[in-house]
């Protein structure tokens, strides 16, 4: 959404709306139309941003799980206390298990 084409489309829409004002005599309907469109666009953008944040958090958690899994595998082959390895393995995927029990 942060692309130049999105900005240009928004500017064209705003200019077209402003240019149509004198044609319709700046009526209340003309102003109300902008209010409704702005509200709908705001709602859609907020929904898209929330979805993007959720997907970003999910991807980061998957990466953290992969790193923790690889670290646990490395720790198994060294002289690290095996209790620490078990604790690390228990933590991998914990967020999935906790969210599925709620």
N, C-alpha and C. Protein backbone atom coordinates (compact mmCIF):
# COMPACT_ATOMS: atom_id res chain seq x y z
N UNK A 1 0.81 -1.19 0.00
CA UNK A 1 0.00 0.00 0.00
C UNK A 1 0.86 1.26 0.00
N UNK A 2 2.07 1.18 0.42
CA UNK A 2 2.93 2.36 0.49
C UNK A 2 3.65 2.56 -0.83
N UNK A 3 2.98 2.35 -1.91
CA UNK A 3 3.60 2.52 -3.23
C UNK A 3 3.13 3.84 -3.84
N UNK A 4 3.91 4.32 -4.78
CA UNK A 4 3.60 5.59 -5.43
C UNK A 4 2.26 5.52 -6.17
N UNK A 5 1.96 4.37 -6.75
CA UNK A 5 0.70 4.25 -7.50
C UNK A 5 -0.51 4.41 -6.58
N UNK A 6 -0.43 3.91 -5.35
CA UNK A 6 -1.53 4.07 -4.40
C UNK A 6 -1.73 5.55 -4.07
N UNK A 7 -0.63 6.26 -3.87
CA UNK A 7 -0.70 7.70 -3.58
C UNK A 7 -1.31 8.45 -4.76
N UNK A 8 -0.90 8.11 -5.97
CA UNK A 8 -1.42 8.79 -7.16
C UNK A 8 -2.91 8.54 -7.30
N UNK A 9 -3.35 7.32 -7.06
CA UNK A 9 -4.79 7.00 -7.14
C UNK A 9 -5.57 7.82 -6.12
N UNK A 10 -5.03 7.92 -4.91
CA UNK A 10 -5.70 8.72 -3.86
C UNK A 10 -5.77 10.19 -4.25
N UNK A 11 -4.70 10.70 -4.82
CA UNK A 11 -4.69 12.10 -5.23
C UNK A 11 -5.68 12.35 -6.37
N UNK A 12 -5.74 11.44 -7.33
CA UNK A 12 -6.69 11.58 -8.44
C UNK A 12 -8.12 11.58 -7.90
N UNK A 13 -8.39 10.66 -6.98
CA UNK A 13 -9.73 10.59 -6.38
C UNK A 13 -10.06 11.90 -5.65
N UNK A 14 -9.13 12.42 -4.85
CA UNK A 14 -9.36 13.65 -4.09
C UNK A 14 -9.57 14.84 -5.03
N UNK A 15 -8.77 14.91 -6.07
CA UNK A 15 -8.92 16.02 -7.02
C UNK A 15 -10.23 15.93 -7.79
N UNK A 16 -10.62 14.72 -8.17
CA UNK A 16 -11.89 14.54 -8.88
C UNK A 16 -13.06 14.93 -7.97
N UNK A 17 -12.96 14.54 -6.70
CA UNK A 17 -14.02 14.90 -5.76
C UNK A 17 -14.09 16.42 -5.58
N UNK A 18 -12.93 17.05 -5.42
CA UNK A 18 -12.90 18.50 -5.23
C UNK A 18 -13.40 19.22 -6.48
N UNK A 19 -13.06 18.73 -7.65
CA UNK A 19 -13.49 19.36 -8.90
C UNK A 19 -15.00 19.22 -9.10
N UNK A 20 -15.58 18.15 -8.57
CA UNK A 20 -17.03 17.96 -8.73
C UNK A 20 -17.84 18.84 -7.77
N UNK A 21 -17.19 19.43 -6.78
CA UNK A 21 -17.89 20.29 -5.82
C UNK A 21 -18.65 21.44 -6.45
N UNK A 22 -18.00 22.23 -7.27
CA UNK A 22 -18.73 23.35 -7.90
C UNK A 22 -19.86 22.89 -8.82
N UNK A 23 -19.69 21.72 -9.41
CA UNK A 23 -20.70 21.21 -10.35
C UNK A 23 -22.00 20.88 -9.60
N UNK A 24 -21.86 20.30 -8.41
CA UNK A 24 -23.05 19.91 -7.63
C UNK A 24 -23.42 20.97 -6.60
N UNK A 25 -22.74 22.07 -6.60
CA UNK A 25 -23.06 23.18 -5.71
C UNK A 25 -22.67 22.93 -4.26
N UNK A 26 -21.66 22.11 -4.05
CA UNK A 26 -21.17 21.80 -2.69
C UNK A 26 -22.31 21.36 -1.77
N UNK A 27 -23.17 20.47 -2.27
CA UNK A 27 -24.33 20.03 -1.50
C UNK A 27 -23.93 19.15 -0.31
N UNK A 28 -24.89 18.95 0.57
CA UNK A 28 -24.64 18.07 1.72
C UNK A 28 -24.39 16.63 1.26
N UNK A 29 -25.09 16.24 0.23
CA UNK A 29 -24.88 14.89 -0.31
C UNK A 29 -23.44 14.73 -0.79
N UNK A 30 -22.90 15.74 -1.40
CA UNK A 30 -21.52 15.73 -1.90
C UNK A 30 -20.54 15.54 -0.74
N UNK A 31 -20.78 16.25 0.37
CA UNK A 31 -19.92 16.14 1.55
C UNK A 31 -20.11 14.79 2.24
N UNK A 32 -21.35 14.34 2.36
CA UNK A 32 -21.64 13.05 3.00
C UNK A 32 -21.00 11.89 2.25
N UNK A 33 -20.95 12.00 0.93
CA UNK A 33 -20.32 10.95 0.13
C UNK A 33 -18.85 10.80 0.51
N UNK A 34 -18.17 11.90 0.68
CA UNK A 34 -16.77 11.83 1.09
C UNK A 34 -16.63 11.21 2.48
N UNK A 35 -17.51 11.57 3.39
CA UNK A 35 -17.45 11.01 4.74
C UNK A 35 -17.60 9.48 4.71
N UNK A 36 -18.55 9.00 3.94
CA UNK A 36 -18.78 7.56 3.86
C UNK A 36 -17.59 6.85 3.21
N UNK A 37 -17.10 7.39 2.13
CA UNK A 37 -15.96 6.78 1.44
C UNK A 37 -14.73 6.79 2.34
N UNK A 38 -14.48 7.89 3.02
CA UNK A 38 -13.32 7.97 3.91
C UNK A 38 -13.44 6.96 5.05
N UNK A 39 -14.62 6.81 5.61
CA UNK A 39 -14.84 5.83 6.68
C UNK A 39 -14.59 4.42 6.19
N UNK A 40 -15.11 4.08 5.02
CA UNK A 40 -14.91 2.74 4.47
C UNK A 40 -13.44 2.46 4.16
N UNK A 41 -12.77 3.42 3.58
CA UNK A 41 -11.34 3.25 3.26
C UNK A 41 -10.53 3.08 4.55
N UNK A 42 -10.85 3.87 5.56
CA UNK A 42 -10.16 3.76 6.84
C UNK A 42 -10.37 2.38 7.45
N UNK A 43 -11.60 1.90 7.42
CA UNK A 43 -11.91 0.57 7.95
C UNK A 43 -11.12 -0.52 7.22
N UNK A 44 -11.08 -0.44 5.91
CA UNK A 44 -10.36 -1.45 5.13
C UNK A 44 -8.86 -1.39 5.40
N UNK A 45 -8.30 -0.21 5.49
CA UNK A 45 -6.87 -0.08 5.74
C UNK A 45 -6.51 -0.60 7.13
N UNK A 46 -7.33 -0.31 8.13
CA UNK A 46 -7.08 -0.83 9.48
C UNK A 46 -7.13 -2.35 9.48
N UNK A 47 -8.11 -2.92 8.79
CA UNK A 47 -8.21 -4.39 8.71
C UNK A 47 -6.98 -4.98 8.03
N UNK A 48 -6.52 -4.36 6.96
CA UNK A 48 -5.33 -4.85 6.26
C UNK A 48 -4.09 -4.75 7.14
N UNK A 49 -3.95 -3.66 7.88
CA UNK A 49 -2.79 -3.50 8.76
C UNK A 49 -2.82 -4.51 9.91
N UNK A 50 -3.99 -4.78 10.45
CA UNK A 50 -4.10 -5.78 11.52
C UNK A 50 -3.72 -7.16 10.99
N UNK A 51 -4.19 -7.48 9.80
CA UNK A 51 -3.86 -8.78 9.20
C UNK A 51 -2.36 -8.89 8.94
N UNK A 52 -1.78 -7.81 8.45
CA UNK A 52 -0.33 -7.80 8.18
C UNK A 52 0.46 -8.01 9.47
N UNK A 53 0.04 -7.35 10.54
CA UNK A 53 0.71 -7.51 11.84
C UNK A 53 0.59 -8.93 12.35
N UNK A 54 -0.59 -9.53 12.21
CA UNK A 54 -0.81 -10.90 12.67
C UNK A 54 0.08 -11.87 11.89
N UNK A 55 0.13 -11.70 10.57
CA UNK A 55 0.97 -12.59 9.76
C UNK A 55 2.44 -12.40 10.06
N UNK A 56 2.86 -11.16 10.31
CA UNK A 56 4.25 -10.89 10.66
C UNK A 56 4.64 -11.53 11.98
N UNK A 57 3.75 -11.43 12.97
CA UNK A 57 4.02 -12.07 14.26
C UNK A 57 4.09 -13.59 14.13
N UNK A 58 3.21 -14.15 13.33
CA UNK A 58 3.20 -15.61 13.13
C UNK A 58 4.49 -16.06 12.44
N UNK A 59 4.94 -15.31 11.44
CA UNK A 59 6.18 -15.66 10.73
C UNK A 59 7.39 -15.54 11.65
N UNK A 60 7.41 -14.51 12.48
CA UNK A 60 8.53 -14.34 13.42
C UNK A 60 8.56 -15.49 14.42
N UNK A 61 7.39 -15.91 14.90
CA UNK A 61 7.34 -17.02 15.85
C UNK A 61 7.81 -18.32 15.21
N UNK A 62 7.45 -18.55 13.96
CA UNK A 62 7.92 -19.75 13.25
C UNK A 62 9.45 -19.74 13.13
N UNK A 63 10.01 -18.57 12.84
CA UNK A 63 11.47 -18.46 12.73
C UNK A 63 12.13 -18.71 14.08
N UNK A 64 11.54 -18.15 15.13
CA UNK A 64 12.10 -18.38 16.47
C UNK A 64 12.04 -19.86 16.85
N UNK A 65 10.96 -20.52 16.49
CA UNK A 65 10.84 -21.96 16.76
C UNK A 65 11.91 -22.74 16.01
N UNK A 66 12.17 -22.36 14.76
CA UNK A 66 13.19 -23.05 13.98
C UNK A 66 14.57 -22.84 14.58
N UNK A 67 14.85 -21.63 15.03
CA UNK A 67 16.15 -21.36 15.66
C UNK A 67 16.28 -22.14 16.96
N UNK A 68 15.23 -22.16 17.77
CA UNK A 68 15.27 -22.89 19.03
C UNK A 68 15.41 -24.39 18.80
N UNK A 69 14.76 -24.91 17.77
CA UNK A 69 14.87 -26.32 17.45
C UNK A 69 16.29 -26.68 17.02
N UNK A 70 16.88 -25.82 16.18
CA UNK A 70 18.26 -26.06 15.75
C UNK A 70 19.22 -25.97 16.93
N UNK A 71 18.99 -25.03 17.81
CA UNK A 71 19.84 -24.88 19.00
C UNK A 71 19.71 -26.10 19.91
N UNK A 72 18.51 -26.60 20.07
CA UNK A 72 18.30 -27.80 20.89
C UNK A 72 19.03 -28.99 20.28
N UNK A 73 18.98 -29.09 18.97
CA UNK A 73 19.68 -30.19 18.28
C UNK A 73 21.18 -30.09 18.49
N UNK A 74 21.71 -28.87 18.39
CA UNK A 74 23.15 -28.67 18.64
C UNK A 74 23.52 -28.99 20.09
N UNK A 75 22.66 -28.59 21.00
CA UNK A 75 22.94 -28.81 22.42
C UNK A 75 22.94 -30.30 22.78
N UNK A 76 22.14 -31.08 22.05
CA UNK A 76 22.10 -32.53 22.31
C UNK A 76 23.47 -33.17 22.06
N UNK A 77 24.19 -32.63 21.09
CA UNK A 77 25.46 -33.22 20.69
C UNK A 77 26.65 -32.66 21.46
N UNK A 78 26.40 -31.81 22.43
CA UNK A 78 27.49 -31.26 23.24
C UNK A 78 27.31 -31.69 24.68
N UNK A 79 28.19 -31.22 25.52
CA UNK A 79 28.13 -31.63 26.93
C UNK A 79 27.29 -30.67 27.77
N UNK A 80 26.23 -30.15 27.18
CA UNK A 80 25.30 -29.26 27.89
C UNK A 80 24.36 -30.12 28.73
N UNK A 81 23.96 -29.58 29.87
CA UNK A 81 23.02 -30.27 30.75
C UNK A 81 21.76 -30.62 29.95
N UNK A 82 21.39 -31.88 29.92
CA UNK A 82 20.25 -32.35 29.13
C UNK A 82 18.92 -31.79 29.62
N UNK A 83 18.89 -31.36 30.88
CA UNK A 83 17.67 -30.72 31.39
C UNK A 83 17.40 -29.41 30.63
N UNK A 84 18.46 -28.69 30.31
CA UNK A 84 18.30 -27.46 29.53
C UNK A 84 17.78 -27.77 28.12
N UNK A 85 18.25 -28.85 27.56
CA UNK A 85 17.77 -29.26 26.23
C UNK A 85 16.29 -29.60 26.30
N UNK A 86 15.86 -30.34 27.32
CA UNK A 86 14.45 -30.70 27.47
C UNK A 86 13.58 -29.45 27.65
N UNK A 87 14.08 -28.49 28.42
CA UNK A 87 13.32 -27.25 28.62
C UNK A 87 13.18 -26.47 27.32
N UNK A 88 14.24 -26.43 26.54
CA UNK A 88 14.19 -25.73 25.26
C UNK A 88 13.23 -26.43 24.31
N UNK A 89 13.29 -27.74 24.25
CA UNK A 89 12.39 -28.48 23.38
C UNK A 89 10.94 -28.32 23.82
N UNK A 90 10.71 -28.22 25.12
CA UNK A 90 9.35 -28.03 25.62
C UNK A 90 8.81 -26.66 25.23
N UNK A 91 9.69 -25.68 25.12
CA UNK A 91 9.26 -24.32 24.77
C UNK A 91 8.95 -24.17 23.29
N UNK A 92 9.51 -25.04 22.45
CA UNK A 92 9.29 -24.95 21.01
C UNK A 92 7.83 -25.26 20.70
N UNK A 93 7.16 -24.34 20.04
CA UNK A 93 5.75 -24.52 19.69
C UNK A 93 4.80 -24.27 20.85
N UNK A 94 5.30 -23.72 21.94
CA UNK A 94 4.47 -23.50 23.12
C UNK A 94 3.29 -22.58 22.81
N UNK A 95 3.50 -21.56 21.99
CA UNK A 95 2.43 -20.62 21.68
C UNK A 95 1.27 -21.30 20.96
N UNK A 96 1.57 -22.33 20.14
CA UNK A 96 0.49 -23.06 19.46
C UNK A 96 -0.30 -23.88 20.47
N UNK A 97 0.41 -24.55 21.35
CA UNK A 97 -0.27 -25.38 22.34
C UNK A 97 -1.11 -24.53 23.28
N UNK A 98 -0.60 -23.39 23.68
CA UNK A 98 -1.35 -22.51 24.58
C UNK A 98 -2.57 -21.92 23.89
N UNK A 99 -2.44 -21.52 22.63
CA UNK A 99 -3.57 -20.91 21.95
C UNK A 99 -4.64 -21.94 21.62
N UNK A 100 -4.27 -23.20 21.45
CA UNK A 100 -5.28 -24.21 21.14
C UNK A 100 -6.03 -24.67 22.37
N UNK A 101 -5.50 -24.40 23.57
CA UNK A 101 -6.20 -24.82 24.79
C UNK A 101 -7.12 -23.73 25.32
N UNK A 102 -7.08 -22.53 24.74
CA UNK A 102 -7.93 -21.43 25.20
C UNK A 102 -9.28 -21.46 24.57
